[in-house]
Amino acid sequence: MSAKHVTVARFATVAIGLLMLSGLTGCAFKASEEECKLACENVAAISNQEVNAQVEKDEALAETGEGGKNMARNMAEAMVDAIRDECAKQCAEKGTRKQADCLAKLTSVADLETCM
């Protein structure tokens, strides 16, 4: 598995785990549908940025040319789409306003754990 796949897989695990941990909070702090949408769209956007950066750095992909890079990006985008869908589902079920706000303001995958 390449570094790109490890990064996206790690991100997915943390993002989903983050939202699942929020199940102990009260309804007054529950994130709205719009808050969840903004949070999950941002999660997907920064994930795609991370993937693109990793694709450009990956030496093995460099040897495959643009065709290989495009295929890797397409596969990663499919994973990110699945992450966004699961994020929205978990957020709607268990997400807090504080977590959704934190996820919506993230600027990098590395900062994801700060939302826990």
N, C-alpha and C. Protein backbone atom coordinates (compact mmCIF):
# COMPACT_ATOMS: atom_id res chain seq x y z
N MET A 1 0.85 -1.17 0.00
CA MET A 1 0.00 0.00 0.00
C MET A 1 0.89 1.23 0.00
N SER A 2 0.61 2.19 -0.83
CA SER A 2 1.46 3.38 -0.94
C SER A 2 1.16 4.34 0.20
N ALA A 3 2.02 5.32 0.35
CA ALA A 3 1.84 6.33 1.40
C ALA A 3 0.52 7.06 1.23
N LYS A 4 0.12 7.27 0.00
CA LYS A 4 -1.15 7.96 -0.28
C LYS A 4 -2.31 7.18 0.28
N HIS A 5 -2.33 5.87 0.08
CA HIS A 5 -3.42 5.05 0.58
C HIS A 5 -3.42 4.99 2.09
N VAL A 6 -2.24 4.93 2.69
CA VAL A 6 -2.13 4.91 4.14
C VAL A 6 -2.67 6.22 4.72
N THR A 7 -2.32 7.34 4.12
CA THR A 7 -2.78 8.64 4.60
C THR A 7 -4.29 8.75 4.52
N VAL A 8 -4.88 8.38 3.41
CA VAL A 8 -6.33 8.45 3.25
C VAL A 8 -7.02 7.47 4.20
N ALA A 9 -6.49 6.27 4.33
CA ALA A 9 -7.09 5.28 5.23
C ALA A 9 -7.01 5.76 6.67
N ARG A 10 -5.88 6.33 7.07
CA ARG A 10 -5.73 6.85 8.43
C ARG A 10 -6.73 7.98 8.65
N PHE A 11 -6.82 8.86 7.68
CA PHE A 11 -7.75 9.98 7.78
C PHE A 11 -9.19 9.49 7.94
N ALA A 12 -9.56 8.51 7.12
CA ALA A 12 -10.92 7.96 7.19
C ALA A 12 -11.20 7.38 8.57
N THR A 13 -10.27 6.63 9.10
CA THR A 13 -10.45 6.02 10.42
C THR A 13 -10.62 7.08 11.49
N VAL A 14 -9.78 8.09 11.47
CA VAL A 14 -9.87 9.15 12.47
C VAL A 14 -11.16 9.94 12.33
N ALA A 15 -11.53 10.29 11.10
CA ALA A 15 -12.74 11.08 10.87
C ALA A 15 -13.99 10.34 11.33
N ILE A 16 -14.09 9.09 10.98
CA ILE A 16 -15.27 8.30 11.36
C ILE A 16 -15.26 8.05 12.87
N GLY A 17 -14.10 7.72 13.40
CA GLY A 17 -13.98 7.50 14.85
C GLY A 17 -14.34 8.74 15.64
N LEU A 18 -13.90 9.88 15.15
CA LEU A 18 -14.19 11.15 15.78
C LEU A 18 -15.69 11.36 15.92
N LEU A 19 -16.40 11.13 14.87
CA LEU A 19 -17.85 11.35 14.89
C LEU A 19 -18.58 10.28 15.71
N MET A 20 -18.05 9.07 15.74
CA MET A 20 -18.69 8.01 16.51
C MET A 20 -18.53 8.25 18.01
N LEU A 21 -17.44 8.86 18.43
CA LEU A 21 -17.21 9.13 19.83
C LEU A 21 -18.18 10.14 20.41
N SER A 22 -18.83 10.88 19.56
CA SER A 22 -19.71 11.94 20.02
C SER A 22 -21.07 11.43 20.50
N GLY A 23 -21.31 10.15 20.49
CA GLY A 23 -22.60 9.58 20.85
C GLY A 23 -23.03 9.81 22.28
N LEU A 24 -22.14 10.24 23.15
CA LEU A 24 -22.47 10.43 24.55
C LEU A 24 -22.99 11.81 24.87
N THR A 25 -23.11 12.67 23.91
CA THR A 25 -23.53 14.05 24.16
C THR A 25 -25.04 14.19 24.09
N GLY A 26 -25.54 15.26 24.67
CA GLY A 26 -26.97 15.51 24.68
C GLY A 26 -27.46 16.12 23.39
N CYS A 27 -28.76 16.08 23.19
CA CYS A 27 -29.37 16.58 21.96
C CYS A 27 -29.19 18.08 21.76
N ALA A 28 -29.09 18.84 22.85
CA ALA A 28 -28.95 20.28 22.74
C ALA A 28 -27.66 20.66 22.02
N PHE A 29 -26.71 19.75 22.01
CA PHE A 29 -25.43 20.03 21.40
C PHE A 29 -25.28 19.35 20.05
N LYS A 30 -26.36 18.75 19.56
CA LYS A 30 -26.33 18.00 18.31
C LYS A 30 -26.14 18.94 17.12
N ALA A 31 -25.29 18.52 16.21
CA ALA A 31 -25.04 19.31 15.00
C ALA A 31 -26.26 19.28 14.09
N SER A 32 -26.50 20.40 13.43
CA SER A 32 -27.60 20.46 12.47
C SER A 32 -27.17 19.82 11.15
N GLU A 33 -28.13 19.60 10.29
CA GLU A 33 -27.83 19.03 8.97
C GLU A 33 -26.87 19.93 8.20
N GLU A 34 -27.08 21.24 8.26
CA GLU A 34 -26.21 22.18 7.56
C GLU A 34 -24.80 22.19 8.15
N GLU A 35 -24.71 22.13 9.48
CA GLU A 35 -23.39 22.08 10.13
C GLU A 35 -22.64 20.81 9.72
N CYS A 36 -23.34 19.70 9.67
CA CYS A 36 -22.73 18.44 9.24
C CYS A 36 -22.27 18.51 7.79
N LYS A 37 -23.11 19.12 6.95
CA LYS A 37 -22.76 19.23 5.54
C LYS A 37 -21.48 20.04 5.37
N LEU A 38 -21.41 21.18 6.03
CA LEU A 38 -20.21 22.03 5.94
C LEU A 38 -18.98 21.29 6.46
N ALA A 39 -19.13 20.60 7.57
CA ALA A 39 -18.01 19.86 8.17
C ALA A 39 -17.52 18.78 7.22
N CYS A 40 -18.43 17.99 6.70
CA CYS A 40 -18.05 16.86 5.86
C CYS A 40 -17.53 17.29 4.50
N GLU A 41 -18.04 18.38 3.97
CA GLU A 41 -17.50 18.93 2.72
C GLU A 41 -16.07 19.40 2.93
N ASN A 42 -15.80 20.01 4.08
CA ASN A 42 -14.44 20.45 4.36
C ASN A 42 -13.51 19.25 4.56
N VAL A 43 -13.99 18.24 5.27
CA VAL A 43 -13.21 17.02 5.45
C VAL A 43 -12.83 16.44 4.09
N ALA A 44 -13.79 16.39 3.18
CA ALA A 44 -13.52 15.86 1.84
C ALA A 44 -12.53 16.75 1.08
N ALA A 45 -12.69 18.05 1.19
CA ALA A 45 -11.80 18.98 0.47
C ALA A 45 -10.36 18.85 0.95
N ILE A 46 -10.15 18.82 2.26
CA ILE A 46 -8.78 18.72 2.75
C ILE A 46 -8.21 17.33 2.50
N SER A 47 -9.08 16.33 2.45
CA SER A 47 -8.61 14.98 2.10
C SER A 47 -8.12 14.95 0.67
N ASN A 48 -8.87 15.56 -0.23
CA ASN A 48 -8.46 15.61 -1.64
C ASN A 48 -7.15 16.38 -1.80
N GLN A 49 -6.99 17.46 -1.06
CA GLN A 49 -5.73 18.22 -1.11
C GLN A 49 -4.57 17.34 -0.66
N GLU A 50 -4.78 16.59 0.41
CA GLU A 50 -3.74 15.71 0.93
C GLU A 50 -3.39 14.63 -0.08
N VAL A 51 -4.41 14.04 -0.68
CA VAL A 51 -4.19 13.00 -1.68
C VAL A 51 -3.39 13.56 -2.85
N ASN A 52 -3.79 14.72 -3.36
CA ASN A 52 -3.07 15.32 -4.49
C ASN A 52 -1.62 15.61 -4.15
N ALA A 53 -1.38 16.07 -2.95
CA ALA A 53 0.00 16.33 -2.53
C ALA A 53 0.80 15.04 -2.47
N GLN A 54 0.19 13.98 -1.94
CA GLN A 54 0.87 12.70 -1.84
C GLN A 54 1.13 12.10 -3.22
N VAL A 55 0.17 12.24 -4.12
CA VAL A 55 0.34 11.71 -5.48
C VAL A 55 1.54 12.38 -6.15
N GLU A 56 1.69 13.67 -5.96
CA GLU A 56 2.80 14.39 -6.57
C GLU A 56 4.14 13.98 -5.98
N LYS A 57 4.16 13.60 -4.71
CA LYS A 57 5.40 13.23 -4.03
C LYS A 57 5.80 11.77 -4.26
N ASP A 58 4.84 10.92 -4.59
CA ASP A 58 5.07 9.48 -4.68
C ASP A 58 5.97 9.15 -5.87
N GLU A 59 7.15 8.64 -5.59
CA GLU A 59 8.11 8.33 -6.65
C GLU A 59 7.63 7.20 -7.56
N ALA A 60 6.98 6.20 -6.98
CA ALA A 60 6.48 5.09 -7.79
C ALA A 60 5.43 5.58 -8.79
N LEU A 61 4.56 6.50 -8.35
CA LEU A 61 3.57 7.04 -9.27
C LEU A 61 4.21 7.93 -10.33
N ALA A 62 5.28 8.59 -9.97
CA ALA A 62 5.97 9.44 -10.94
C ALA A 62 6.44 8.61 -12.13
N GLU A 63 6.83 7.39 -11.87
CA GLU A 63 7.29 6.50 -12.94
C GLU A 63 6.16 6.07 -13.86
N THR A 64 4.93 6.13 -13.39
CA THR A 64 3.79 5.70 -14.22
C THR A 64 3.29 6.82 -15.12
N GLY A 65 3.79 8.03 -14.91
CA GLY A 65 3.35 9.16 -15.73
C GLY A 65 2.01 9.70 -15.27
N GLU A 66 1.45 10.60 -16.07
CA GLU A 66 0.18 11.24 -15.72
C GLU A 66 -0.97 10.25 -15.66
N GLY A 67 -0.92 9.22 -16.51
CA GLY A 67 -1.99 8.21 -16.49
C GLY A 67 -2.07 7.51 -15.15
N GLY A 68 -0.94 7.13 -14.61
CA GLY A 68 -0.90 6.47 -13.29
C GLY A 68 -1.34 7.41 -12.19
N LYS A 69 -0.90 8.66 -12.26
CA LYS A 69 -1.29 9.65 -11.26
C LYS A 69 -2.79 9.90 -11.29
N ASN A 70 -3.34 10.00 -12.50
CA ASN A 70 -4.78 10.22 -12.63
C ASN A 70 -5.58 9.05 -12.08
N MET A 71 -5.11 7.83 -12.36
CA MET A 71 -5.80 6.66 -11.83
C MET A 71 -5.76 6.66 -10.30
N ALA A 72 -4.60 6.99 -9.72
CA ALA A 72 -4.49 7.05 -8.26
C ALA A 72 -5.41 8.12 -7.68
N ARG A 73 -5.46 9.27 -8.34
CA ARG A 73 -6.35 10.34 -7.87
C ARG A 73 -7.82 9.90 -7.93
N ASN A 74 -8.20 9.25 -9.02
CA ASN A 74 -9.59 8.80 -9.17
C ASN A 74 -9.97 7.79 -8.09
N MET A 75 -9.05 6.86 -7.82
CA MET A 75 -9.32 5.87 -6.77
C MET A 75 -9.43 6.55 -5.41
N ALA A 76 -8.54 7.50 -5.15
CA ALA A 76 -8.58 8.22 -3.88
C ALA A 76 -9.84 9.07 -3.76
N GLU A 77 -10.26 9.69 -4.86
CA GLU A 77 -11.48 10.49 -4.83
C GLU A 77 -12.70 9.63 -4.51
N ALA A 78 -12.72 8.40 -4.99
CA ALA A 78 -13.82 7.48 -4.66
C ALA A 78 -13.82 7.18 -3.16
N MET A 79 -12.63 7.00 -2.60
CA MET A 79 -12.53 6.78 -1.15
C MET A 79 -12.99 8.02 -0.38
N VAL A 80 -12.59 9.18 -0.84
CA VAL A 80 -12.98 10.42 -0.18
C VAL A 80 -14.49 10.61 -0.25
N ASP A 81 -15.10 10.27 -1.38
CA ASP A 81 -16.56 10.35 -1.50
C ASP A 81 -17.23 9.44 -0.47
N ALA A 82 -16.68 8.25 -0.27
CA ALA A 82 -17.23 7.33 0.72
C ALA A 82 -17.04 7.90 2.13
N ILE A 83 -15.89 8.51 2.37
CA ILE A 83 -15.64 9.14 3.68
C ILE A 83 -16.64 10.26 3.92
N ARG A 84 -16.88 11.09 2.90
CA ARG A 84 -17.84 12.19 3.04
C ARG A 84 -19.23 11.65 3.37
N ASP A 85 -19.65 10.60 2.69
CA ASP A 85 -20.97 10.01 2.94
C ASP A 85 -21.07 9.46 4.36
N GLU A 86 -20.03 8.75 4.80
CA GLU A 86 -20.04 8.19 6.15
C GLU A 86 -19.95 9.30 7.19
N CYS A 87 -19.17 10.31 6.91
CA CYS A 87 -19.07 11.47 7.80
C CYS A 87 -20.45 12.10 7.99
N ALA A 88 -21.16 12.32 6.90
CA ALA A 88 -22.49 12.93 6.97
C ALA A 88 -23.45 12.06 7.78
N LYS A 89 -23.38 10.76 7.56
CA LYS A 89 -24.25 9.83 8.30
C LYS A 89 -23.95 9.86 9.79
N GLN A 90 -22.66 9.74 10.14
CA GLN A 90 -22.28 9.72 11.55
C GLN A 90 -22.54 11.07 12.22
N CYS A 91 -22.28 12.13 11.51
CA CYS A 91 -22.52 13.46 12.06
C CYS A 91 -24.01 13.66 12.34
N ALA A 92 -24.85 13.28 11.39
CA ALA A 92 -26.29 13.44 11.57
C ALA A 92 -26.79 12.62 12.76
N GLU A 93 -26.19 11.46 12.98
CA GLU A 93 -26.62 10.59 14.07
C GLU A 93 -26.05 11.00 15.42
N LYS A 94 -24.76 11.40 15.44
CA LYS A 94 -24.08 11.55 16.72
C LYS A 94 -23.22 12.80 16.86
N GLY A 95 -23.06 13.57 15.81
CA GLY A 95 -22.13 14.70 15.83
C GLY A 95 -22.61 15.84 16.69
N THR A 96 -21.64 16.50 17.32
CA THR A 96 -21.96 17.68 18.12
C THR A 96 -21.68 18.93 17.30
N ARG A 97 -22.26 20.03 17.74
CA ARG A 97 -22.03 21.30 17.06
C ARG A 97 -20.55 21.69 17.15
N LYS A 98 -19.95 21.43 18.30
CA LYS A 98 -18.53 21.77 18.50
C LYS A 98 -17.65 20.97 17.53
N GLN A 99 -17.91 19.68 17.39
CA GLN A 99 -17.13 18.85 16.48
C GLN A 99 -17.34 19.27 15.03
N ALA A 100 -18.57 19.51 14.66
CA ALA A 100 -18.87 19.92 13.29
C ALA A 100 -18.18 21.25 12.97
N ASP A 101 -18.21 22.17 13.91
CA ASP A 101 -17.55 23.46 13.70
C ASP A 101 -16.04 23.27 13.55
N CYS A 102 -15.47 22.42 14.38
CA CYS A 102 -14.03 22.14 14.31
C CYS A 102 -13.68 21.53 12.96
N LEU A 103 -14.45 20.55 12.52
CA LEU A 103 -14.19 19.90 11.23
C LEU A 103 -14.36 20.87 10.07
N ALA A 104 -15.31 21.76 10.18
CA ALA A 104 -15.56 22.74 9.12
C ALA A 104 -14.41 23.74 8.99
N LYS A 105 -13.67 23.96 10.07
CA LYS A 105 -12.58 24.94 10.06
C LYS A 105 -11.21 24.34 9.83
N LEU A 106 -11.11 23.03 9.75
CA LEU A 106 -9.81 22.39 9.55
C LEU A 106 -9.15 22.87 8.26
N THR A 107 -7.84 22.96 8.32
CA THR A 107 -7.11 23.33 7.12
C THR A 107 -6.15 22.23 6.65
N SER A 108 -6.01 21.19 7.48
CA SER A 108 -5.13 20.07 7.08
C SER A 108 -5.56 18.78 7.75
N VAL A 109 -5.21 17.69 7.12
CA VAL A 109 -5.50 16.37 7.66
C VAL A 109 -4.76 16.17 8.98
N ALA A 110 -3.57 16.71 9.08
CA ALA A 110 -2.76 16.57 10.29
C ALA A 110 -3.46 17.14 11.52
N ASP A 111 -4.33 18.11 11.34
CA ASP A 111 -5.02 18.75 12.46
C ASP A 111 -6.32 18.05 12.84
N LEU A 112 -6.68 17.00 12.14
CA LEU A 112 -7.95 16.33 12.36
C LEU A 112 -8.16 15.90 13.80
N GLU A 113 -7.12 15.39 14.42
CA GLU A 113 -7.24 14.87 15.78
C GLU A 113 -7.57 15.96 16.79
N THR A 114 -7.37 17.23 16.45
CA THR A 114 -7.71 18.31 17.37
C THR A 114 -9.21 18.44 17.57
N CYS A 115 -10.00 17.83 16.70
CA CYS A 115 -11.45 17.91 16.80
C CYS A 115 -12.04 16.84 17.72
N MET A 116 -11.20 15.99 18.25
CA MET A 116 -11.69 14.91 19.13
C MET A 116 -12.00 15.43 20.50
